[in-house]
Amino acid sequence: ACEDIKISFGGDALNDSILLSKMGKSVELISVIGNDREGHMIVDKCKEHSIELRNPLRDDIKTGVNIVLVKEDGSRHFLTNANGSLRKLCLDDIIFLFDEAKILLFASIFVFPLFQDKDLEKLFRHAKSIGMTIVCDMTKCKNNETISDLKLSLPYIDYLIPNDEEICLFTRCSSVEEACVKLLDAGVKNIVVKCGKRGCYVANAFECYWVGIPENVHCIDSTGAGDSFVSGFIKKLLEGESLKECAMFGNVCGGKCVQVLGATEWL
């Protein structure tokens, strides 16, 4: 038995879109969803937050539905539908018309098995050719991928924002500091590692440092904390703040998120 059951919206890209919209930013979401009840719920949610959803509903896929089990300490476990829309996005679904967008957020590397390195490279190369900044979130690599498996696309990334477990698994390193060195050598411009209670670690070719979290943060649900960090980071990036200011505000947003149930309800 569980204490409570709640239906809510999620997924890295949708969480980021909702939060950035709530922060007053203009957002366009490119994804694929099914022509089913859940898909129509997402369309309505995007309309509610003035998010432009590019791709139409599709009859050939089912909208992804996950079950998130949240423990008393705020940690969570996911039951994921491997046949849902999260696993269906491919390069052909991306419409290369980004209008006047300043940032391309790819959320997240390794979520989409149909996106290979050559596909990421093509997408990122186009984005850079029209002057966009590329920000990438990351999830755990699913098939023992290493840096060499992303050697084409990594050099295009301006800001890579994984968590500590993800970056260490991907680089085969035991510390975030060592992992960042490897990814900087692979061409990533800036790396910001989300490290939970330790705050975040920032690294680029010129400096590296830790940024601590706010005091008196009581975690009851860590769902969406990473997305909240990324959204806060991008908000400040769009406003021309320094890298450290972006990281500090990301920590603030992540800290607020973990103190309420759900990924986007804190704002």
C-alpha atoms as a PDB file:
ATOM      1  CA  ALA A   1       0.000   0.000   0.000  1.00  0.00           C
ATOM      2  CA  CYS A   2       1.087   3.600  -0.505  1.00  0.00           C
ATOM      3  CA  GLU A   3       0.168   6.793   1.282  1.00  0.00           C
ATOM      4  CA  ASP A   4      -1.105   8.650  -1.781  1.00  0.00           C
ATOM      5  CA  ILE A   5      -1.398   8.418  -5.568  1.00  0.00           C
ATOM      6  CA  LYS A   6      -1.203  11.444  -7.838  1.00  0.00           C
ATOM      7  CA  ILE A   7      -1.448  11.899 -11.609  1.00  0.00           C
ATOM      8  CA  SER A   8       0.839  14.594 -12.996  1.00  0.00           C
ATOM      9  CA  PHE A   9       2.778  15.563 -16.108  1.00  0.00           C
ATOM     10  CA  GLY A  10       6.465  14.813 -16.571  1.00  0.00           C
ATOM     11  CA  GLY A  11       9.362  14.064 -18.836  1.00  0.00           C
ATOM     12  CA  ASP A  12      12.472  16.215 -18.923  1.00  0.00           C
ATOM     13  CA  ALA A  13      11.509  18.333 -21.931  1.00  0.00           C
ATOM     14  CA  LEU A  14       7.935  18.960 -20.762  1.00  0.00           C
ATOM     15  CA  ASN A  15       9.077  19.782 -17.218  1.00  0.00           C
ATOM     16  CA  ASP A  16      11.658  22.214 -18.567  1.00  0.00           C
ATOM     17  CA  SER A  17       9.104  23.777 -20.905  1.00  0.00           C
ATOM     18  CA  ILE A  18       6.500  24.285 -18.178  1.00  0.00           C
ATOM     19  CA  LEU A  19       9.005  25.746 -15.731  1.00  0.00           C
ATOM     20  CA  LEU A  20      10.597  28.097 -18.257  1.00  0.00           C
ATOM     21  CA  SER A  21       7.154  29.255 -19.343  1.00  0.00           C
ATOM     22  CA  LYS A  22       6.251  29.926 -15.700  1.00  0.00           C
ATOM     23  CA  MET A  23       9.493  31.918 -15.454  1.00  0.00           C
ATOM     24  CA  GLY A  24       8.291  34.151 -18.257  1.00  0.00           C
ATOM     25  CA  LYS A  25      10.245  32.669 -21.157  1.00  0.00           C
ATOM     26  CA  SER A  26       8.885  31.847 -24.612  1.00  0.00           C
ATOM     27  CA  VAL A  27       9.127  28.096 -25.168  1.00  0.00           C
ATOM     28  CA  GLU A  28       8.710  25.766 -28.118  1.00  0.00           C
ATOM     29  CA  LEU A  29       8.567  22.024 -27.477  1.00  0.00           C
ATOM     30  CA  ILE A  30       9.450  19.499 -30.174  1.00  0.00           C
ATOM     31  CA  SER A  31       8.457  15.941 -29.300  1.00  0.00           C
ATOM     32  CA  VAL A  32       6.188  13.075 -30.363  1.00  0.00           C
ATOM     33  CA  ILE A  33       3.018  11.999 -28.567  1.00  0.00           C
ATOM     34  CA  GLY A  34       0.242   9.575 -29.336  1.00  0.00           C
ATOM     35  CA  ASN A  35      -3.269  10.404 -30.506  1.00  0.00           C
ATOM     36  CA  ASP A  36      -4.729   9.054 -27.278  1.00  0.00           C
ATOM     37  CA  ARG A  37      -6.196  10.376 -24.044  1.00  0.00           C
ATOM     38  CA  GLU A  38      -2.790  11.009 -22.523  1.00  0.00           C
ATOM     39  CA  GLY A  39      -1.569  12.783 -25.652  1.00  0.00           C
ATOM     40  CA  HIS A  40      -4.537  15.136 -25.654  1.00  0.00           C
ATOM     41  CA  MET A  41      -3.909  15.860 -21.962  1.00  0.00           C
ATOM     42  CA  ILE A  42      -0.368  16.947 -22.848  1.00  0.00           C
ATOM     43  CA  VAL A  43      -1.638  19.159 -25.672  1.00  0.00           C
ATOM     44  CA  ASP A  44      -4.020  20.846 -23.238  1.00  0.00           C
ATOM     45  CA  LYS A  45      -1.228  21.266 -20.678  1.00  0.00           C
ATOM     46  CA  CYS A  46       0.993  22.955 -23.258  1.00  0.00           C
ATOM     47  CA  LYS A  47      -1.853  25.302 -24.231  1.00  0.00           C
ATOM     48  CA  GLU A  48      -2.382  26.142 -20.569  1.00  0.00           C
ATOM     49  CA  HIS A  49       1.226  27.314 -20.302  1.00  0.00           C
ATOM     50  CA  SER A  50       1.446  28.928 -23.775  1.00  0.00           C
ATOM     51  CA  ILE A  51       3.971  26.322 -24.941  1.00  0.00           C
ATOM     52  CA  GLU A  52       4.108  25.860 -28.705  1.00  0.00           C
ATOM     53  CA  LEU A  53       3.996  22.129 -29.393  1.00  0.00           C
ATOM     54  CA  ARG A  54       5.403  21.500 -32.872  1.00  0.00           C
ATOM     55  CA  ASN A  55       4.538  17.939 -33.829  1.00  0.00           C
ATOM     56  CA  PRO A  56       0.937  16.722 -34.276  1.00  0.00           C
ATOM     57  CA  LEU A  57      -0.593  13.762 -32.474  1.00  0.00           C
ATOM     58  CA  ARG A  58       0.346  10.441 -34.056  1.00  0.00           C
ATOM     59  CA  ASP A  59      -1.805   7.353 -34.431  1.00  0.00           C
ATOM     60  CA  ASP A  60       1.140   4.954 -34.666  1.00  0.00           C
ATOM     61  CA  ILE A  61       2.520   5.466 -31.141  1.00  0.00           C
ATOM     62  CA  LYS A  62       1.330   5.451 -27.545  1.00  0.00           C
ATOM     63  CA  THR A  63       2.016   8.419 -25.307  1.00  0.00           C
ATOM     64  CA  GLY A  64       4.594   7.492 -22.681  1.00  0.00           C
ATOM     65  CA  VAL A  65       3.253   6.868 -19.178  1.00  0.00           C
ATOM     66  CA  ASN A  66       5.583   6.254 -16.237  1.00  0.00           C
ATOM     67  CA  ILE A  67       4.947   5.282 -12.627  1.00  0.00           C
ATOM     68  CA  VAL A  68       7.166   7.080 -10.108  1.00  0.00           C
ATOM     69  CA  LEU A  69       7.503   5.477  -6.675  1.00  0.00           C
ATOM     70  CA  VAL A  70       8.627   8.044  -4.096  1.00  0.00           C
ATOM     71  CA  LYS A  71      10.113   6.816  -0.803  1.00  0.00           C
ATOM     72  CA  GLU A  72       9.953   8.603   2.541  1.00  0.00           C
ATOM     73  CA  ASP A  73      13.430  10.100   2.070  1.00  0.00           C
ATOM     74  CA  GLY A  74      12.419  11.658  -1.261  1.00  0.00           C
ATOM     75  CA  SER A  75      14.286   9.177  -3.470  1.00  0.00           C
ATOM     76  CA  ARG A  76      12.335   7.631  -6.315  1.00  0.00           C
ATOM     77  CA  HIS A  77      12.151   4.656  -8.658  1.00  0.00           C
ATOM     78  CA  PHE A  78      10.661   4.701 -12.156  1.00  0.00           C
ATOM     79  CA  LEU A  79       8.547   2.104 -13.922  1.00  0.00           C
ATOM     80  CA  THR A  80       8.821   3.066 -17.573  1.00  0.00           C
ATOM     81  CA  ASN A  81       6.831   1.974 -20.602  1.00  0.00           C
ATOM     82  CA  ALA A  82       9.613   0.936 -22.957  1.00  0.00           C
ATOM     83  CA  ASN A  83       7.197   1.050 -25.913  1.00  0.00           C
ATOM     84  CA  GLY A  84       5.920   4.553 -25.236  1.00  0.00           C
ATOM     85  CA  SER A  85       6.574   7.776 -27.104  1.00  0.00           C
ATOM     86  CA  LEU A  86       9.717   8.574 -25.083  1.00  0.00           C
ATOM     87  CA  ARG A  87      11.529   5.892 -27.045  1.00  0.00           C
ATOM     88  CA  LYS A  88      10.192   6.878 -30.471  1.00  0.00           C
ATOM     89  CA  LEU A  89      11.675  10.322 -31.159  1.00  0.00           C
ATOM     90  CA  CYS A  90      14.136  10.389 -34.050  1.00  0.00           C
ATOM     91  CA  LEU A  91      15.878  12.995 -36.190  1.00  0.00           C
ATOM     92  CA  ASP A  92      13.103  12.927 -38.803  1.00  0.00           C
ATOM     93  CA  ASP A  93      10.714  14.261 -36.150  1.00  0.00           C
ATOM     94  CA  ILE A  94      12.769  17.426 -35.692  1.00  0.00           C
ATOM     95  CA  ILE A  95      11.619  20.353 -37.800  1.00  0.00           C
ATOM     96  CA  PHE A  96      14.719  22.443 -38.482  1.00  0.00           C
ATOM     97  CA  LEU A  97      12.910  25.756 -38.215  1.00  0.00           C
ATOM     98  CA  PHE A  98      13.834  27.292 -34.883  1.00  0.00           C
ATOM     99  CA  ASP A  99      12.737  30.822 -35.794  1.00  0.00           C
ATOM    100  CA  GLU A 100      14.521  33.253 -33.464  1.00  0.00           C
ATOM    101  CA  ALA A 101      15.205  30.818 -30.617  1.00  0.00           C
ATOM    102  CA  LYS A 102      18.411  31.499 -28.706  1.00  0.00           C
ATOM    103  CA  ILE A 103      18.887  28.167 -26.948  1.00  0.00           C
ATOM    104  CA  LEU A 104      18.437  24.579 -28.063  1.00  0.00           C
ATOM    105  CA  LEU A 105      17.876  22.384 -25.011  1.00  0.00           C
ATOM    106  CA  PHE A 106      18.227  18.684 -25.796  1.00  0.00           C
ATOM    107  CA  ALA A 107      16.597  16.891 -22.897  1.00  0.00           C
ATOM    108  CA  SER A 108      18.010  14.318 -22.555  1.00  0.00           C
ATOM    109  CA  ILE A 109      20.908  12.446 -24.094  1.00  0.00           C
ATOM    110  CA  PHE A 110      20.366   8.648 -23.870  1.00  0.00           C
ATOM    111  CA  VAL A 111      16.572   8.939 -23.463  1.00  0.00           C
ATOM    112  CA  PHE A 112      16.013   8.457 -27.193  1.00  0.00           C
ATOM    113  CA  PRO A 113      17.552   5.205 -28.511  1.00  0.00           C
ATOM    114  CA  LEU A 114      16.844   6.219 -32.123  1.00  0.00           C
ATOM    115  CA  PHE A 115      19.083   9.300 -31.771  1.00  0.00           C
ATOM    116  CA  GLN A 116      22.594   8.202 -32.704  1.00  0.00           C
ATOM    117  CA  ASP A 117      25.758  10.314 -32.543  1.00  0.00           C
ATOM    118  CA  LYS A 118      25.517  11.239 -36.226  1.00  0.00           C
ATOM    119  CA  ASP A 119      21.944  12.439 -35.676  1.00  0.00           C
ATOM    120  CA  LEU A 120      22.890  14.589 -32.708  1.00  0.00           C
ATOM    121  CA  GLU A 121      25.801  16.003 -34.696  1.00  0.00           C
ATOM    122  CA  LYS A 122      23.513  16.976 -37.574  1.00  0.00           C
ATOM    123  CA  LEU A 123      20.986  18.632 -35.241  1.00  0.00           C
ATOM    124  CA  PHE A 124      23.634  20.463 -33.226  1.00  0.00           C
ATOM    125  CA  ARG A 125      25.559  21.581 -36.314  1.00  0.00           C
ATOM    126  CA  HIS A 126      22.401  23.162 -37.719  1.00  0.00           C
ATOM    127  CA  ALA A 127      21.653  24.894 -34.416  1.00  0.00           C
ATOM    128  CA  LYS A 128      25.160  26.333 -34.223  1.00  0.00           C
ATOM    129  CA  SER A 129      24.998  27.495 -37.840  1.00  0.00           C
ATOM    130  CA  ILE A 130      22.132  29.843 -36.912  1.00  0.00           C
ATOM    131  CA  GLY A 131      23.831  31.070 -33.754  1.00  0.00           C
ATOM    132  CA  MET A 132      22.080  29.015 -31.092  1.00  0.00           C
ATOM    133  CA  THR A 133      23.559  28.005 -27.737  1.00  0.00           C
ATOM    134  CA  ILE A 134      23.319  24.260 -27.116  1.00  0.00           C
ATOM    135  CA  VAL A 135      22.427  22.971 -23.656  1.00  0.00           C
ATOM    136  CA  CYS A 136      22.122  19.233 -22.988  1.00  0.00           C
ATOM    137  CA  ASP A 137      20.735  17.337 -20.050  1.00  0.00           C
ATOM    138  CA  MET A 138      21.565  13.673 -19.662  1.00  0.00           C
ATOM    139  CA  THR A 139      20.170  10.483 -18.242  1.00  0.00           C
ATOM    140  CA  LYS A 140      22.003   7.219 -17.532  1.00  0.00           C
ATOM    141  CA  CYS A 141      23.528   5.617 -20.616  1.00  0.00           C
ATOM    142  CA  LYS A 142      21.517   2.534 -21.492  1.00  0.00           C
ATOM    143  CA  ASN A 143      23.948   0.472 -23.586  1.00  0.00           C
ATOM    144  CA  ASN A 144      27.347   1.058 -21.971  1.00  0.00           C
ATOM    145  CA  GLU A 145      28.022   4.059 -24.211  1.00  0.00           C
ATOM    146  CA  THR A 146      31.340   5.822 -23.759  1.00  0.00           C
ATOM    147  CA  ILE A 147      32.727   9.200 -24.805  1.00  0.00           C
ATOM    148  CA  SER A 148      33.914   7.723 -28.101  1.00  0.00           C
ATOM    149  CA  ASP A 149      30.291   6.890 -28.957  1.00  0.00           C
ATOM    150  CA  LEU A 150      29.465  10.629 -28.923  1.00  0.00           C
ATOM    151  CA  LYS A 151      32.730  11.942 -30.348  1.00  0.00           C
ATOM    152  CA  LEU A 152      30.949  13.748 -33.217  1.00  0.00           C
ATOM    153  CA  SER A 153      28.329  15.589 -31.160  1.00  0.00           C
ATOM    154  CA  LEU A 154      30.083  16.415 -27.888  1.00  0.00           C
ATOM    155  CA  PRO A 155      32.210  19.278 -29.336  1.00  0.00           C
ATOM    156  CA  TYR A 156      29.031  21.181 -30.260  1.00  0.00           C
ATOM    157  CA  ILE A 157      27.708  21.270 -26.685  1.00  0.00           C
ATOM    158  CA  ASP A 158      28.062  24.609 -24.895  1.00  0.00           C
ATOM    159  CA  TYR A 159      26.627  23.444 -21.558  1.00  0.00           C
ATOM    160  CA  LEU A 160      26.315  19.803 -20.500  1.00  0.00           C
ATOM    161  CA  ILE A 161      24.270  19.347 -17.303  1.00  0.00           C
ATOM    162  CA  PRO A 162      24.284  15.715 -16.076  1.00  0.00           C
ATOM    163  CA  ASN A 163      24.053  14.541 -12.487  1.00  0.00           C
ATOM    164  CA  ASP A 164      26.978  12.948 -10.685  1.00  0.00           C
ATOM    165  CA  GLU A 165      25.848   9.358 -11.200  1.00  0.00           C
ATOM    166  CA  GLU A 166      25.191   9.863 -14.905  1.00  0.00           C
ATOM    167  CA  ILE A 167      28.506  11.534 -15.709  1.00  0.00           C
ATOM    168  CA  CYS A 168      30.562   8.975 -13.774  1.00  0.00           C
ATOM    169  CA  LEU A 169      28.779   6.064 -15.454  1.00  0.00           C
ATOM    170  CA  PHE A 170      29.256   7.605 -18.893  1.00  0.00           C
ATOM    171  CA  THR A 171      32.960   8.426 -18.443  1.00  0.00           C
ATOM    172  CA  ARG A 172      33.847   5.381 -16.291  1.00  0.00           C
ATOM    173  CA  CYS A 173      35.262   7.743 -13.645  1.00  0.00           C
ATOM    174  CA  SER A 174      34.951   7.589  -9.869  1.00  0.00           C
ATOM    175  CA  SER A 175      34.702  11.360  -9.312  1.00  0.00           C
ATOM    176  CA  VAL A 176      32.915  14.219 -11.042  1.00  0.00           C
ATOM    177  CA  GLU A 177      36.162  16.176 -11.215  1.00  0.00           C
ATOM    178  CA  GLU A 178      37.881  13.448 -13.201  1.00  0.00           C
ATOM    179  CA  ALA A 179      34.804  12.929 -15.374  1.00  0.00           C
ATOM    180  CA  CYS A 180      34.684  16.622 -16.265  1.00  0.00           C
ATOM    181  CA  VAL A 181      38.312  16.567 -17.382  1.00  0.00           C
ATOM    182  CA  LYS A 182      37.535  13.759 -19.815  1.00  0.00           C
ATOM    183  CA  LEU A 183      34.511  15.537 -21.264  1.00  0.00           C
ATOM    184  CA  LEU A 184      36.355  18.833 -21.599  1.00  0.00           C
ATOM    185  CA  ASP A 185      39.061  16.959 -23.508  1.00  0.00           C
ATOM    186  CA  ALA A 186      36.286  15.601 -25.750  1.00  0.00           C
ATOM    187  CA  GLY A 187      35.265  19.131 -26.688  1.00  0.00           C
ATOM    188  CA  VAL A 188      32.393  20.086 -24.356  1.00  0.00           C
ATOM    189  CA  LYS A 189      32.675  23.801 -23.532  1.00  0.00           C
ATOM    190  CA  ASN A 190      31.135  23.915 -20.040  1.00  0.00           C
ATOM    191  CA  ILE A 191      30.014  21.156 -17.695  1.00  0.00           C
ATOM    192  CA  VAL A 192      27.708  21.661 -14.728  1.00  0.00           C
ATOM    193  CA  VAL A 193      27.205  18.515 -12.655  1.00  0.00           C
ATOM    194  CA  LYS A 194      24.144  18.265 -10.410  1.00  0.00           C
ATOM    195  CA  CYS A 195      25.241  16.604  -7.175  1.00  0.00           C
ATOM    196  CA  GLY A 196      22.202  16.693  -4.885  1.00  0.00           C
ATOM    197  CA  LYS A 197      23.048  17.746  -1.342  1.00  0.00           C
ATOM    198  CA  ARG A 198      26.584  18.641  -2.426  1.00  0.00           C
ATOM    199  CA  GLY A 199      25.283  21.306  -4.794  1.00  0.00           C
ATOM    200  CA  CYS A 200      26.835  21.373  -8.256  1.00  0.00           C
ATOM    201  CA  TYR A 201      30.303  21.231  -9.762  1.00  0.00           C
ATOM    202  CA  VAL A 202      31.194  23.620 -12.589  1.00  0.00           C
ATOM    203  CA  ALA A 203      34.100  23.065 -14.980  1.00  0.00           C
ATOM    204  CA  ASN A 204      35.459  24.556 -18.183  1.00  0.00           C
ATOM    205  CA  ALA A 205      38.871  25.189 -19.702  1.00  0.00           C
ATOM    206  CA  PHE A 206      39.471  28.222 -17.476  1.00  0.00           C
ATOM    207  CA  GLU A 207      38.083  27.339 -14.037  1.00  0.00           C
ATOM    208  CA  CYS A 208      36.392  24.699 -11.923  1.00  0.00           C
ATOM    209  CA  TYR A 209      34.561  25.086  -8.615  1.00  0.00           C
ATOM    210  CA  TRP A 210      31.763  23.831  -6.397  1.00  0.00           C
ATOM    211  CA  VAL A 211      28.555  25.773  -5.788  1.00  0.00           C
ATOM    212  CA  GLY A 212      26.674  24.838  -2.607  1.00  0.00           C
ATOM    213  CA  ILE A 213      22.925  24.479  -2.139  1.00  0.00           C
ATOM    214  CA  PRO A 214      20.762  26.836  -0.040  1.00  0.00           C
ATOM    215  CA  GLU A 215      20.459  26.064   3.658  1.00  0.00           C
ATOM    216  CA  ASN A 216      17.473  24.358   5.336  1.00  0.00           C
ATOM    217  CA  VAL A 217      16.318  22.348   2.327  1.00  0.00           C
ATOM    218  CA  HIS A 218      14.095  19.443   3.427  1.00  0.00           C
ATOM    219  CA  CYS A 219      13.672  16.887   0.642  1.00  0.00           C
ATOM    220  CA  ILE A 220      10.338  15.089   0.372  1.00  0.00           C
ATOM    221  CA  ASP A 221      10.377  14.309  -3.380  1.00  0.00           C
ATOM    222  CA  SER A 222      13.383  14.579  -5.686  1.00  0.00           C
ATOM    223  CA  THR A 223      11.276  14.135  -8.845  1.00  0.00           C
ATOM    224  CA  GLY A 224      12.014  16.971 -11.251  1.00  0.00           C
ATOM    225  CA  ALA A 225      14.844  18.466  -9.200  1.00  0.00           C
ATOM    226  CA  GLY A 226      17.297  18.117 -12.068  1.00  0.00           C
ATOM    227  CA  ASP A 227      14.842  19.647 -14.537  1.00  0.00           C
ATOM    228  CA  SER A 228      14.208  22.517 -12.136  1.00  0.00           C
ATOM    229  CA  PHE A 229      17.961  23.089 -11.935  1.00  0.00           C
ATOM    230  CA  VAL A 230      18.273  23.127 -15.720  1.00  0.00           C
ATOM    231  CA  SER A 231      15.317  25.499 -16.109  1.00  0.00           C
ATOM    232  CA  GLY A 232      16.699  27.928 -13.539  1.00  0.00           C
ATOM    233  CA  PHE A 233      20.126  27.718 -15.158  1.00  0.00           C
ATOM    234  CA  ILE A 234      18.707  28.510 -18.602  1.00  0.00           C
ATOM    235  CA  LYS A 235      16.599  31.389 -17.268  1.00  0.00           C
ATOM    236  CA  LYS A 236      19.703  33.129 -15.951  1.00  0.00           C
ATOM    237  CA  LEU A 237      21.679  32.206 -19.063  1.00  0.00           C
ATOM    238  CA  LEU A 238      19.055  33.924 -21.220  1.00  0.00           C
ATOM    239  CA  GLU A 239      19.308  36.971 -18.984  1.00  0.00           C
ATOM    240  CA  GLY A 240      23.058  37.253 -19.524  1.00  0.00           C
ATOM    241  CA  GLU A 241      24.166  36.227 -16.036  1.00  0.00           C
ATOM    242  CA  SER A 242      27.570  34.711 -15.306  1.00  0.00           C
ATOM    243  CA  LEU A 243      28.101  30.956 -15.275  1.00  0.00           C
ATOM    244  CA  LYS A 244      28.348  30.975 -11.476  1.00  0.00           C
ATOM    245  CA  GLU A 245      25.122  32.965 -11.130  1.00  0.00           C
ATOM    246  CA  CYS A 246      23.384  30.483 -13.439  1.00  0.00           C
ATOM    247  CA  ALA A 247      24.613  27.571 -11.327  1.00  0.00           C
ATOM    248  CA  MET A 248      23.599  29.253  -8.070  1.00  0.00           C
ATOM    249  CA  PHE A 249      20.068  29.910  -9.318  1.00  0.00           C
ATOM    250  CA  GLY A 250      19.867  26.338 -10.614  1.00  0.00           C
ATOM    251  CA  ASN A 251      20.618  25.131  -7.094  1.00  0.00           C
ATOM    252  CA  VAL A 252      17.928  27.422  -5.692  1.00  0.00           C
ATOM    253  CA  CYS A 253      15.326  26.037  -8.109  1.00  0.00           C
ATOM    254  CA  GLY A 254      16.323  22.433  -7.467  1.00  0.00           C
ATOM    255  CA  GLY A 255      16.136  23.076  -3.725  1.00  0.00           C
ATOM    256  CA  LYS A 256      12.630  24.474  -4.000  1.00  0.00           C
ATOM    257  CA  CYS A 257      11.482  21.576  -6.148  1.00  0.00           C
ATOM    258  CA  VAL A 258      12.469  18.817  -3.715  1.00  0.00           C
ATOM    259  CA  GLN A 259      10.413  20.370  -0.931  1.00  0.00           C
ATOM    260  CA  VAL A 260       7.068  19.721  -2.663  1.00  0.00           C
ATOM    261  CA  LEU A 261       5.467  16.737  -4.383  1.00  0.00           C
ATOM    262  CA  GLY A 262       5.757  16.786  -8.163  1.00  0.00           C
ATOM    263  CA  ALA A 263       8.192  18.133 -10.713  1.00  0.00           C
ATOM    264  CA  THR A 264       6.776  21.562 -11.544  1.00  0.00           C
ATOM    265  CA  GLU A 265       4.351  22.408  -8.740  1.00  0.00           C
ATOM    266  CA  TRP A 266       6.894  24.371  -6.694  1.00  0.00           C
ATOM    267  CA  LEU A 267       6.704  27.373  -9.034  1.00  0.00           C
END
